[in-house]
Amino acid sequence: MKHPVDAHVGKRIRHRRWMIAMTQQQLADKVGIKFQQIQKYETGMNRVSASRLWDIADALGVTIAFFFEGLAEGDVPKAPGADLMADKEALELVRSYYAIPEAQRRRLFDLARVLSDAA
């Protein structure tokens, strides 16, 4: 049975890898393991050791703390929709949003705010 923290760390690995458009194979190559191991980490089926998490953080350009963001002591996201970054559509939307030039992105953000207030 997978531990909720291992699942959370795995989701954060997948999230960051996806946000920088890196494949599981590319990450595995940088870390020096097989891509199947990355799959197991991302699903939370296998725990990531401290030294391996260090290597993954380096390969993804984040700090180790990144993988634990969203977890309070004793708190693990359980409710559906509680982890927005686990939603593939939300991740795609965020990545597309940041691909838009900043001035246009700001106007799009303002429009989204007005539309959500009207809903």
N, C-alpha and C. Protein backbone atom coordinates (compact mmCIF):
# COMPACT_ATOMS: atom_id res chain seq x y z
N MET A 1 0.85 -1.19 0.00
CA MET A 1 0.00 0.00 0.00
C MET A 1 0.89 1.24 0.00
N LYS A 2 0.56 2.17 -0.88
CA LYS A 2 1.41 3.36 -0.96
C LYS A 2 1.05 4.36 0.13
N HIS A 3 2.07 5.02 0.62
CA HIS A 3 1.90 6.05 1.64
C HIS A 3 1.47 7.35 0.96
N PRO A 4 0.54 8.09 1.55
CA PRO A 4 0.07 9.33 0.93
C PRO A 4 1.18 10.35 0.67
N VAL A 5 2.20 10.39 1.50
CA VAL A 5 3.29 11.34 1.27
C VAL A 5 4.09 10.92 0.04
N ASP A 6 4.32 9.61 -0.13
CA ASP A 6 5.02 9.13 -1.32
C ASP A 6 4.23 9.48 -2.58
N ALA A 7 2.91 9.34 -2.51
CA ALA A 7 2.05 9.69 -3.64
C ALA A 7 2.14 11.19 -3.94
N HIS A 8 2.17 12.01 -2.88
CA HIS A 8 2.26 13.46 -3.07
C HIS A 8 3.59 13.83 -3.72
N VAL A 9 4.68 13.28 -3.21
CA VAL A 9 6.01 13.56 -3.79
C VAL A 9 6.03 13.14 -5.25
N GLY A 10 5.46 11.97 -5.55
CA GLY A 10 5.41 11.50 -6.93
C GLY A 10 4.64 12.43 -7.84
N LYS A 11 3.51 12.95 -7.35
CA LYS A 11 2.72 13.90 -8.12
C LYS A 11 3.51 15.17 -8.40
N ARG A 12 4.27 15.60 -7.40
CA ARG A 12 5.06 16.82 -7.58
C ARG A 12 6.21 16.60 -8.58
N ILE A 13 6.78 15.39 -8.58
CA ILE A 13 7.80 15.06 -9.58
C ILE A 13 7.17 15.14 -10.97
N ARG A 14 6.03 14.47 -11.14
CA ARG A 14 5.34 14.46 -12.43
C ARG A 14 4.97 15.88 -12.85
N HIS A 15 4.44 16.65 -11.91
CA HIS A 15 4.03 18.03 -12.20
C HIS A 15 5.20 18.86 -12.72
N ARG A 16 6.31 18.83 -12.02
CA ARG A 16 7.46 19.63 -12.44
C ARG A 16 8.02 19.13 -13.77
N ARG A 17 8.11 17.84 -13.94
CA ARG A 17 8.64 17.26 -15.17
C ARG A 17 7.76 17.69 -16.34
N TRP A 18 6.45 17.64 -16.14
CA TRP A 18 5.52 18.00 -17.19
C TRP A 18 5.59 19.50 -17.49
N MET A 19 5.74 20.32 -16.46
CA MET A 19 5.78 21.77 -16.65
C MET A 19 7.00 22.21 -17.46
N ILE A 20 8.09 21.47 -17.36
CA ILE A 20 9.28 21.84 -18.13
C ILE A 20 9.41 21.00 -19.39
N ALA A 21 8.34 20.28 -19.73
CA ALA A 21 8.27 19.48 -20.96
C ALA A 21 9.40 18.47 -21.06
N MET A 22 9.63 17.77 -19.96
CA MET A 22 10.66 16.73 -19.92
C MET A 22 9.96 15.37 -19.89
N THR A 23 10.44 14.44 -20.66
CA THR A 23 9.85 13.09 -20.65
C THR A 23 10.40 12.29 -19.47
N GLN A 24 9.72 11.20 -19.17
CA GLN A 24 10.22 10.31 -18.12
C GLN A 24 11.58 9.77 -18.51
N GLN A 25 11.78 9.47 -19.79
CA GLN A 25 13.07 8.95 -20.25
C GLN A 25 14.17 9.99 -20.06
N GLN A 26 13.89 11.24 -20.38
CA GLN A 26 14.90 12.29 -20.21
C GLN A 26 15.29 12.45 -18.75
N LEU A 27 14.29 12.43 -17.87
CA LEU A 27 14.58 12.55 -16.44
C LEU A 27 15.38 11.35 -15.96
N ALA A 28 14.97 10.17 -16.38
CA ALA A 28 15.68 8.95 -15.99
C ALA A 28 17.14 9.01 -16.44
N ASP A 29 17.37 9.47 -17.66
CA ASP A 29 18.73 9.57 -18.18
C ASP A 29 19.57 10.53 -17.33
N LYS A 30 18.98 11.66 -16.95
CA LYS A 30 19.71 12.65 -16.14
C LYS A 30 20.05 12.11 -14.75
N VAL A 31 19.15 11.27 -14.22
CA VAL A 31 19.33 10.75 -12.87
C VAL A 31 20.13 9.44 -12.88
N GLY A 32 20.18 8.78 -14.04
CA GLY A 32 20.93 7.54 -14.15
C GLY A 32 20.16 6.30 -13.75
N ILE A 33 18.85 6.30 -14.05
CA ILE A 33 18.01 5.14 -13.75
C ILE A 33 17.14 4.83 -14.96
N LYS A 34 16.34 3.80 -14.89
CA LYS A 34 15.42 3.42 -15.97
C LYS A 34 14.13 4.24 -15.85
N PHE A 35 13.50 4.52 -16.99
CA PHE A 35 12.29 5.33 -16.96
C PHE A 35 11.17 4.64 -16.18
N GLN A 36 11.20 3.31 -16.13
CA GLN A 36 10.17 2.60 -15.37
C GLN A 36 10.21 2.97 -13.89
N GLN A 37 11.43 3.25 -13.40
CA GLN A 37 11.56 3.66 -12.00
C GLN A 37 10.93 5.03 -11.78
N ILE A 38 11.09 5.93 -12.76
CA ILE A 38 10.44 7.24 -12.69
C ILE A 38 8.93 7.05 -12.62
N GLN A 39 8.39 6.14 -13.44
CA GLN A 39 6.95 5.85 -13.41
C GLN A 39 6.51 5.41 -12.01
N LYS A 40 7.30 4.54 -11.40
CA LYS A 40 6.95 4.04 -10.07
C LYS A 40 7.01 5.16 -9.03
N TYR A 41 8.00 6.04 -9.16
CA TYR A 41 8.08 7.18 -8.24
C TYR A 41 6.85 8.08 -8.40
N GLU A 42 6.50 8.37 -9.66
CA GLU A 42 5.41 9.30 -9.93
C GLU A 42 4.05 8.78 -9.46
N THR A 43 3.87 7.48 -9.43
CA THR A 43 2.61 6.93 -8.96
C THR A 43 2.62 6.70 -7.46
N GLY A 44 3.78 6.84 -6.83
CA GLY A 44 3.90 6.61 -5.39
C GLY A 44 4.05 5.14 -5.03
N MET A 45 4.21 4.28 -6.04
CA MET A 45 4.36 2.85 -5.77
C MET A 45 5.72 2.56 -5.13
N ASN A 46 6.74 3.33 -5.51
CA ASN A 46 8.06 3.20 -4.89
C ASN A 46 8.42 4.50 -4.20
N ARG A 47 9.03 4.38 -3.04
CA ARG A 47 9.51 5.57 -2.34
C ARG A 47 10.80 6.07 -2.97
N VAL A 48 10.96 7.37 -2.91
CA VAL A 48 12.18 7.99 -3.43
C VAL A 48 13.12 8.18 -2.25
N SER A 49 14.32 7.62 -2.35
CA SER A 49 15.30 7.82 -1.27
C SER A 49 15.75 9.27 -1.25
N ALA A 50 16.34 9.67 -0.15
CA ALA A 50 16.79 11.06 0.01
C ALA A 50 17.82 11.43 -1.06
N SER A 51 18.78 10.55 -1.31
CA SER A 51 19.81 10.86 -2.30
C SER A 51 19.23 10.91 -3.71
N ARG A 52 18.26 10.05 -4.01
CA ARG A 52 17.63 10.06 -5.33
C ARG A 52 16.76 11.30 -5.49
N LEU A 53 16.07 11.71 -4.42
CA LEU A 53 15.26 12.92 -4.47
C LEU A 53 16.16 14.14 -4.72
N TRP A 54 17.33 14.11 -4.14
CA TRP A 54 18.32 15.19 -4.36
C TRP A 54 18.67 15.26 -5.85
N ASP A 55 18.95 14.09 -6.46
CA ASP A 55 19.31 14.04 -7.87
C ASP A 55 18.14 14.48 -8.76
N ILE A 56 16.94 14.07 -8.41
CA ILE A 56 15.76 14.45 -9.19
C ILE A 56 15.52 15.96 -9.09
N ALA A 57 15.66 16.51 -7.89
CA ALA A 57 15.50 17.95 -7.70
C ALA A 57 16.50 18.72 -8.56
N ASP A 58 17.73 18.25 -8.57
CA ASP A 58 18.77 18.89 -9.38
C ASP A 58 18.42 18.81 -10.87
N ALA A 59 17.98 17.65 -11.32
CA ALA A 59 17.63 17.46 -12.73
C ALA A 59 16.43 18.32 -13.14
N LEU A 60 15.52 18.55 -12.21
CA LEU A 60 14.31 19.32 -12.52
C LEU A 60 14.46 20.81 -12.19
N GLY A 61 15.59 21.18 -11.58
CA GLY A 61 15.84 22.59 -11.28
C GLY A 61 14.99 23.15 -10.16
N VAL A 62 14.72 22.34 -9.14
CA VAL A 62 13.94 22.80 -7.99
C VAL A 62 14.67 22.40 -6.71
N THR A 63 14.20 22.94 -5.59
CA THR A 63 14.74 22.53 -4.30
C THR A 63 14.00 21.29 -3.82
N ILE A 64 14.56 20.60 -2.87
CA ILE A 64 13.90 19.42 -2.30
C ILE A 64 12.55 19.82 -1.71
N ALA A 65 12.47 20.99 -1.12
CA ALA A 65 11.24 21.45 -0.48
C ALA A 65 10.08 21.51 -1.47
N PHE A 66 10.37 21.71 -2.75
CA PHE A 66 9.33 21.77 -3.78
C PHE A 66 8.42 20.54 -3.73
N PHE A 67 9.01 19.38 -3.49
CA PHE A 67 8.25 18.13 -3.54
C PHE A 67 7.30 17.97 -2.36
N PHE A 68 7.50 18.77 -1.32
CA PHE A 68 6.66 18.67 -0.13
C PHE A 68 5.69 19.83 0.00
N GLU A 69 5.73 20.77 -0.95
CA GLU A 69 4.80 21.90 -0.91
C GLU A 69 3.38 21.37 -0.98
N GLY A 70 2.51 21.96 -0.20
CA GLY A 70 1.13 21.54 -0.17
C GLY A 70 0.83 20.52 0.91
N LEU A 71 1.86 20.08 1.61
CA LEU A 71 1.68 19.13 2.72
C LEU A 71 1.95 19.86 4.02
N ALA A 72 0.98 19.91 4.88
CA ALA A 72 1.20 20.40 6.24
C ALA A 72 1.49 19.18 7.10
N GLU A 73 2.11 19.37 8.23
CA GLU A 73 2.41 18.24 9.11
C GLU A 73 1.12 17.48 9.42
N GLY A 74 1.11 16.20 9.08
CA GLY A 74 -0.05 15.37 9.33
C GLY A 74 -1.20 15.59 8.36
N ASP A 75 -0.99 16.42 7.36
CA ASP A 75 -2.05 16.74 6.42
C ASP A 75 -1.70 16.20 5.05
N VAL A 76 -2.56 15.37 4.49
CA VAL A 76 -2.36 14.82 3.16
C VAL A 76 -3.62 15.08 2.36
N PRO A 77 -3.49 15.63 1.14
CA PRO A 77 -4.69 15.90 0.35
C PRO A 77 -5.47 14.61 0.12
N LYS A 78 -6.77 14.62 0.45
CA LYS A 78 -7.59 13.42 0.32
C LYS A 78 -8.80 13.66 -0.56
N ALA A 79 -9.32 14.85 -0.53
CA ALA A 79 -10.56 15.13 -1.27
C ALA A 79 -10.30 15.24 -2.76
N PRO A 80 -11.21 14.73 -3.59
CA PRO A 80 -11.05 14.91 -5.03
C PRO A 80 -11.00 16.39 -5.35
N GLY A 81 -10.11 16.76 -6.23
CA GLY A 81 -9.95 18.15 -6.61
C GLY A 81 -9.09 18.94 -5.65
N ALA A 82 -8.62 18.32 -4.55
CA ALA A 82 -7.80 19.02 -3.57
C ALA A 82 -6.42 19.31 -4.13
N ASP A 83 -5.97 18.49 -5.06
CA ASP A 83 -4.65 18.69 -5.65
C ASP A 83 -4.83 19.10 -7.11
N LEU A 84 -4.97 20.39 -7.33
CA LEU A 84 -5.23 20.91 -8.65
C LEU A 84 -4.15 20.51 -9.64
N MET A 85 -2.91 20.43 -9.18
CA MET A 85 -1.82 20.12 -10.09
C MET A 85 -1.77 18.64 -10.47
N ALA A 86 -2.63 17.83 -9.91
CA ALA A 86 -2.74 16.43 -10.33
C ALA A 86 -3.68 16.32 -11.53
N ASP A 87 -4.42 17.37 -11.82
CA ASP A 87 -5.38 17.39 -12.92
C ASP A 87 -4.64 17.76 -14.21
N LYS A 88 -4.64 16.83 -15.17
CA LYS A 88 -3.89 17.04 -16.42
C LYS A 88 -4.38 18.27 -17.18
N GLU A 89 -5.70 18.49 -17.18
CA GLU A 89 -6.25 19.65 -17.87
C GLU A 89 -5.77 20.95 -17.22
N ALA A 90 -5.74 20.98 -15.89
CA ALA A 90 -5.27 22.17 -15.18
C ALA A 90 -3.79 22.42 -15.47
N LEU A 91 -3.00 21.36 -15.52
CA LEU A 91 -1.58 21.52 -15.84
C LEU A 91 -1.39 22.06 -17.24
N GLU A 92 -2.16 21.55 -18.18
CA GLU A 92 -2.06 22.02 -19.56
C GLU A 92 -2.46 23.49 -19.65
N LEU A 93 -3.50 23.87 -18.92
CA LEU A 93 -3.94 25.26 -18.90
C LEU A 93 -2.85 26.18 -18.34
N VAL A 94 -2.23 25.76 -17.25
CA VAL A 94 -1.17 26.57 -16.64
C VAL A 94 0.02 26.70 -17.59
N ARG A 95 0.41 25.60 -18.21
CA ARG A 95 1.55 25.66 -19.13
C ARG A 95 1.23 26.56 -20.31
N SER A 96 0.03 26.46 -20.86
CA SER A 96 -0.37 27.32 -21.98
C SER A 96 -0.41 28.78 -21.55
N TYR A 97 -0.92 29.02 -20.35
CA TYR A 97 -1.01 30.38 -19.81
C TYR A 97 0.37 31.04 -19.76
N TYR A 98 1.37 30.31 -19.27
CA TYR A 98 2.70 30.89 -19.15
C TYR A 98 3.44 30.98 -20.48
N ALA A 99 2.88 30.37 -21.53
CA ALA A 99 3.48 30.50 -22.86
C ALA A 99 3.03 31.80 -23.55
N ILE A 100 2.00 32.44 -22.99
CA ILE A 100 1.48 33.69 -23.54
C ILE A 100 2.38 34.85 -23.09
N PRO A 101 2.68 35.79 -23.98
CA PRO A 101 3.49 36.96 -23.59
C PRO A 101 2.87 37.66 -22.37
N GLU A 102 3.70 38.24 -21.55
CA GLU A 102 3.26 38.77 -20.25
C GLU A 102 2.13 39.79 -20.34
N ALA A 103 2.21 40.72 -21.26
CA ALA A 103 1.17 41.75 -21.35
C ALA A 103 -0.19 41.13 -21.69
N GLN A 104 -0.20 40.20 -22.62
CA GLN A 104 -1.45 39.53 -22.98
C GLN A 104 -1.92 38.63 -21.85
N ARG A 105 -0.96 37.98 -21.18
CA ARG A 105 -1.29 37.10 -20.06
C ARG A 105 -1.99 37.89 -18.96
N ARG A 106 -1.55 39.09 -18.69
CA ARG A 106 -2.16 39.93 -17.65
C ARG A 106 -3.61 40.26 -18.02
N ARG A 107 -3.83 40.58 -19.30
CA ARG A 107 -5.19 40.90 -19.74
C ARG A 107 -6.08 39.67 -19.67
N LEU A 108 -5.53 38.51 -20.02
CA LEU A 108 -6.30 37.27 -19.93
C LEU A 108 -6.65 36.97 -18.47
N PHE A 109 -5.72 37.20 -17.58
CA PHE A 109 -5.96 37.00 -16.15
C PHE A 109 -7.09 37.91 -15.66
N ASP A 110 -7.05 39.17 -16.07
CA ASP A 110 -8.10 40.12 -15.68
C ASP A 110 -9.46 39.68 -16.22
N LEU A 111 -9.48 39.19 -17.46
CA LEU A 111 -10.72 38.71 -18.05
C LEU A 111 -11.25 37.50 -17.26
N ALA A 112 -10.38 36.57 -16.93
CA ALA A 112 -10.79 35.39 -16.17
C ALA A 112 -11.36 35.79 -14.81
N ARG A 113 -10.77 36.76 -14.18
CA ARG A 113 -11.27 37.24 -12.89
C ARG A 113 -12.66 37.83 -13.02
N VAL A 114 -12.88 38.63 -14.06
CA VAL A 114 -14.20 39.24 -14.29
C VAL A 114 -15.23 38.15 -14.57
N LEU A 115 -14.87 37.17 -15.40
CA LEU A 115 -15.81 36.10 -15.73
C LEU A 115 -16.15 35.25 -14.49
N SER A 116 -15.18 35.00 -13.64
CA SER A 116 -15.45 34.18 -12.45
C SER A 116 -16.30 34.97 -11.45
N ASP A 117 -16.12 36.27 -11.39
CA ASP A 117 -16.97 37.09 -10.51
C ASP A 117 -18.41 37.11 -11.00
N ALA A 118 -18.58 37.05 -12.32
CA ALA A 118 -19.92 37.10 -12.90
C ALA A 118 -20.65 35.76 -12.80
N ALA A 119 -19.89 34.70 -12.60
CA ALA A 119 -20.51 33.35 -12.58
C ALA A 119 -21.30 33.10 -11.31
